[in-house]
């Protein structure tokens, strides 16, 4: 019983510390095209941020949409599929995770960072 109360106190302190270190700065609305695509989700729809490349991703079932955010990158855009990079998983499996890595030296031009 004492162990549980100590664990809860530690957890609550940690949550309070985290709450004090995270601050909301800005909201960027989901582009209209993707809002419509997400409505058609059959099994899974996920999203995330790839801050190293200033990119956002949304997966809808076996499709992955990636676009650049910030600096007005989609100002006046985001209404058509052509406004995004789209990948489809050939096997039809749902996209559940996305990440980026630095390229191997010499594979791409030096301008490619991620």
C-alpha atoms as a PDB file:
ATOM      1  CA  UNK A   1       0.000   0.000   0.000  1.00  0.00           C
ATOM      2  CA  UNK A   2       2.838   2.427   0.841  1.00  0.00           C
ATOM      3  CA  UNK A   3       4.629   1.446  -2.333  1.00  0.00           C
ATOM      4  CA  UNK A   4       1.621   2.395  -4.449  1.00  0.00           C
ATOM      5  CA  UNK A   5       1.256   5.822  -2.845  1.00  0.00           C
ATOM      6  CA  UNK A   6       4.969   6.514  -3.332  1.00  0.00           C
ATOM      7  CA  UNK A   7       4.733   5.453  -6.966  1.00  0.00           C
ATOM      8  CA  UNK A   8       1.702   7.688  -7.509  1.00  0.00           C
ATOM      9  CA  UNK A   9       3.455  10.642  -5.867  1.00  0.00           C
ATOM     10  CA  UNK A  10       6.480  10.139  -8.103  1.00  0.00           C
ATOM     11  CA  UNK A  11       4.283   9.827 -11.187  1.00  0.00           C
ATOM     12  CA  UNK A  12       2.332  12.966 -10.293  1.00  0.00           C
ATOM     13  CA  UNK A  13       5.531  14.934  -9.743  1.00  0.00           C
ATOM     14  CA  UNK A  14       6.854  13.769 -13.094  1.00  0.00           C
ATOM     15  CA  UNK A  15       3.614  14.740 -14.846  1.00  0.00           C
ATOM     16  CA  UNK A  16       3.713  18.169 -13.198  1.00  0.00           C
ATOM     17  CA  UNK A  17       7.340  18.664 -14.249  1.00  0.00           C
ATOM     18  CA  UNK A  18       6.532  17.670 -17.822  1.00  0.00           C
ATOM     19  CA  UNK A  19       3.482  19.932 -17.877  1.00  0.00           C
ATOM     20  CA  UNK A  20       5.660  22.868 -16.817  1.00  0.00           C
ATOM     21  CA  UNK A  21       8.221  22.250 -19.576  1.00  0.00           C
ATOM     22  CA  UNK A  22       5.852  21.865 -22.542  1.00  0.00           C
ATOM     23  CA  UNK A  23       4.311  25.003 -23.979  1.00  0.00           C
ATOM     24  CA  UNK A  24       1.973  25.347 -26.950  1.00  0.00           C
ATOM     25  CA  UNK A  25       3.359  27.932 -29.371  1.00  0.00           C
ATOM     26  CA  UNK A  26       1.412  27.571 -32.588  1.00  0.00           C
ATOM     27  CA  UNK A  27      -1.276  25.525 -34.306  1.00  0.00           C
ATOM     28  CA  UNK A  28      -1.145  24.690 -37.978  1.00  0.00           C
ATOM     29  CA  UNK A  29      -4.456  23.417 -39.360  1.00  0.00           C
ATOM     30  CA  UNK A  30      -4.571  20.209 -41.320  1.00  0.00           C
ATOM     31  CA  UNK A  31      -4.741  20.986 -45.055  1.00  0.00           C
ATOM     32  CA  UNK A  32      -8.240  20.632 -46.562  1.00  0.00           C
ATOM     33  CA  UNK A  33      -7.257  17.783 -48.904  1.00  0.00           C
ATOM     34  CA  UNK A  34      -5.999  15.657 -46.006  1.00  0.00           C
ATOM     35  CA  UNK A  35      -9.016  16.483 -43.861  1.00  0.00           C
ATOM     36  CA  UNK A  36     -11.163  14.926 -46.602  1.00  0.00           C
ATOM     37  CA  UNK A  37      -8.834  11.929 -47.046  1.00  0.00           C
ATOM     38  CA  UNK A  38      -8.867  11.173 -43.300  1.00  0.00           C
ATOM     39  CA  UNK A  39     -12.672  10.940 -43.417  1.00  0.00           C
ATOM     40  CA  UNK A  40     -12.238   7.941 -45.753  1.00  0.00           C
ATOM     41  CA  UNK A  41     -10.099   5.966 -43.272  1.00  0.00           C
ATOM     42  CA  UNK A  42     -11.003   2.275 -43.183  1.00  0.00           C
ATOM     43  CA  UNK A  43      -8.563   0.881 -40.591  1.00  0.00           C
ATOM     44  CA  UNK A  44      -6.007   3.374 -39.325  1.00  0.00           C
ATOM     45  CA  UNK A  45      -5.120   7.043 -39.495  1.00  0.00           C
ATOM     46  CA  UNK A  46      -2.077   8.429 -37.694  1.00  0.00           C
ATOM     47  CA  UNK A  47       0.000  11.606 -37.865  1.00  0.00           C
ATOM     48  CA  UNK A  48       3.249  12.997 -36.576  1.00  0.00           C
ATOM     49  CA  UNK A  49       5.966  15.611 -36.910  1.00  0.00           C
ATOM     50  CA  UNK A  50       9.457  15.172 -38.361  1.00  0.00           C
ATOM     51  CA  UNK A  51      11.031  18.317 -36.877  1.00  0.00           C
ATOM     52  CA  UNK A  52      14.502  17.706 -38.364  1.00  0.00           C
ATOM     53  CA  UNK A  53      13.071  18.298 -41.831  1.00  0.00           C
ATOM     54  CA  UNK A  54      10.210  20.681 -40.919  1.00  0.00           C
ATOM     55  CA  UNK A  55       7.821  18.027 -42.182  1.00  0.00           C
ATOM     56  CA  UNK A  56       4.507  16.581 -41.063  1.00  0.00           C
ATOM     57  CA  UNK A  57       3.158  13.160 -41.982  1.00  0.00           C
ATOM     58  CA  UNK A  58      -0.314  11.675 -42.061  1.00  0.00           C
ATOM     59  CA  UNK A  59      -1.024   8.048 -42.758  1.00  0.00           C
ATOM     60  CA  UNK A  60      -4.412   6.829 -43.913  1.00  0.00           C
ATOM     61  CA  UNK A  61      -4.488   3.065 -44.101  1.00  0.00           C
ATOM     62  CA  UNK A  62      -1.751   2.108 -46.625  1.00  0.00           C
ATOM     63  CA  UNK A  63      -1.061   5.682 -47.830  1.00  0.00           C
ATOM     64  CA  UNK A  64       1.481   8.111 -46.409  1.00  0.00           C
ATOM     65  CA  UNK A  65       1.292  11.865 -47.032  1.00  0.00           C
ATOM     66  CA  UNK A  66       4.237  14.137 -46.200  1.00  0.00           C
ATOM     67  CA  UNK A  67       4.504  17.890 -46.494  1.00  0.00           C
ATOM     68  CA  UNK A  68       6.637  20.758 -45.290  1.00  0.00           C
ATOM     69  CA  UNK A  69       5.214  22.983 -42.576  1.00  0.00           C
ATOM     70  CA  UNK A  70       5.971  26.502 -41.477  1.00  0.00           C
ATOM     71  CA  UNK A  71       7.161  29.531 -43.423  1.00  0.00           C
ATOM     72  CA  UNK A  72       3.845  29.553 -45.329  1.00  0.00           C
ATOM     73  CA  UNK A  73       4.771  26.363 -47.199  1.00  0.00           C
ATOM     74  CA  UNK A  74       1.120  25.503 -47.830  1.00  0.00           C
ATOM     75  CA  UNK A  75      -0.236  29.039 -47.826  1.00  0.00           C
ATOM     76  CA  UNK A  76      -3.025  28.932 -50.376  1.00  0.00           C
ATOM     77  CA  UNK A  77      -2.314  25.257 -51.068  1.00  0.00           C
ATOM     78  CA  UNK A  78      -3.215  21.946 -49.514  1.00  0.00           C
ATOM     79  CA  UNK A  79      -6.358  21.415 -51.529  1.00  0.00           C
ATOM     80  CA  UNK A  80      -5.005  18.861 -54.018  1.00  0.00           C
ATOM     81  CA  UNK A  81      -3.074  15.599 -53.862  1.00  0.00           C
ATOM     82  CA  UNK A  82      -0.266  17.266 -55.854  1.00  0.00           C
ATOM     83  CA  UNK A  83       0.491  19.549 -52.867  1.00  0.00           C
ATOM     84  CA  UNK A  84       1.938  16.574 -50.952  1.00  0.00           C
ATOM     85  CA  UNK A  85       4.411  13.769 -51.386  1.00  0.00           C
ATOM     86  CA  UNK A  86       2.366  10.582 -51.282  1.00  0.00           C
ATOM     87  CA  UNK A  87       3.584   7.012 -50.901  1.00  0.00           C
ATOM     88  CA  UNK A  88       1.478   3.875 -50.968  1.00  0.00           C
ATOM     89  CA  UNK A  89       2.543   0.625 -49.304  1.00  0.00           C
ATOM     90  CA  UNK A  90       2.544  -2.032 -52.077  1.00  0.00           C
ATOM     91  CA  UNK A  91       1.471  -4.809 -49.683  1.00  0.00           C
ATOM     92  CA  UNK A  92      -1.581  -2.802 -48.578  1.00  0.00           C
ATOM     93  CA  UNK A  93      -0.516  -2.836 -44.912  1.00  0.00           C
ATOM     94  CA  UNK A  94      -1.291   0.205 -42.764  1.00  0.00           C
ATOM     95  CA  UNK A  95       1.464   2.756 -42.122  1.00  0.00           C
ATOM     96  CA  UNK A  96       2.036   2.824 -38.356  1.00  0.00           C
ATOM     97  CA  UNK A  97       5.350   4.642 -37.952  1.00  0.00           C
ATOM     98  CA  UNK A  98       7.449   7.166 -39.873  1.00  0.00           C
ATOM     99  CA  UNK A  99      11.004   8.401 -39.341  1.00  0.00           C
ATOM    100  CA  UNK A 100      13.841  10.049 -41.218  1.00  0.00           C
ATOM    101  CA  UNK A 101      17.583   9.446 -41.155  1.00  0.00           C
ATOM    102  CA  UNK A 102      20.649  11.212 -42.448  1.00  0.00           C
ATOM    103  CA  UNK A 103      21.675   9.811 -45.846  1.00  0.00           C
ATOM    104  CA  UNK A 104      24.815   7.781 -46.321  1.00  0.00           C
ATOM    105  CA  UNK A 105      27.624  10.087 -47.552  1.00  0.00           C
ATOM    106  CA  UNK A 106      28.022  10.116 -51.329  1.00  0.00           C
ATOM    107  CA  UNK A 107      24.591   8.672 -52.123  1.00  0.00           C
ATOM    108  CA  UNK A 108      22.809  12.014 -52.695  1.00  0.00           C
ATOM    109  CA  UNK A 109      23.973  15.542 -53.466  1.00  0.00           C
ATOM    110  CA  UNK A 110      25.350  17.383 -50.419  1.00  0.00           C
ATOM    111  CA  UNK A 111      22.197  19.533 -50.266  1.00  0.00           C
ATOM    112  CA  UNK A 112      20.171  16.498 -49.040  1.00  0.00           C
ATOM    113  CA  UNK A 113      20.268  16.481 -45.248  1.00  0.00           C
ATOM    114  CA  UNK A 114      17.518  13.978 -44.369  1.00  0.00           C
END
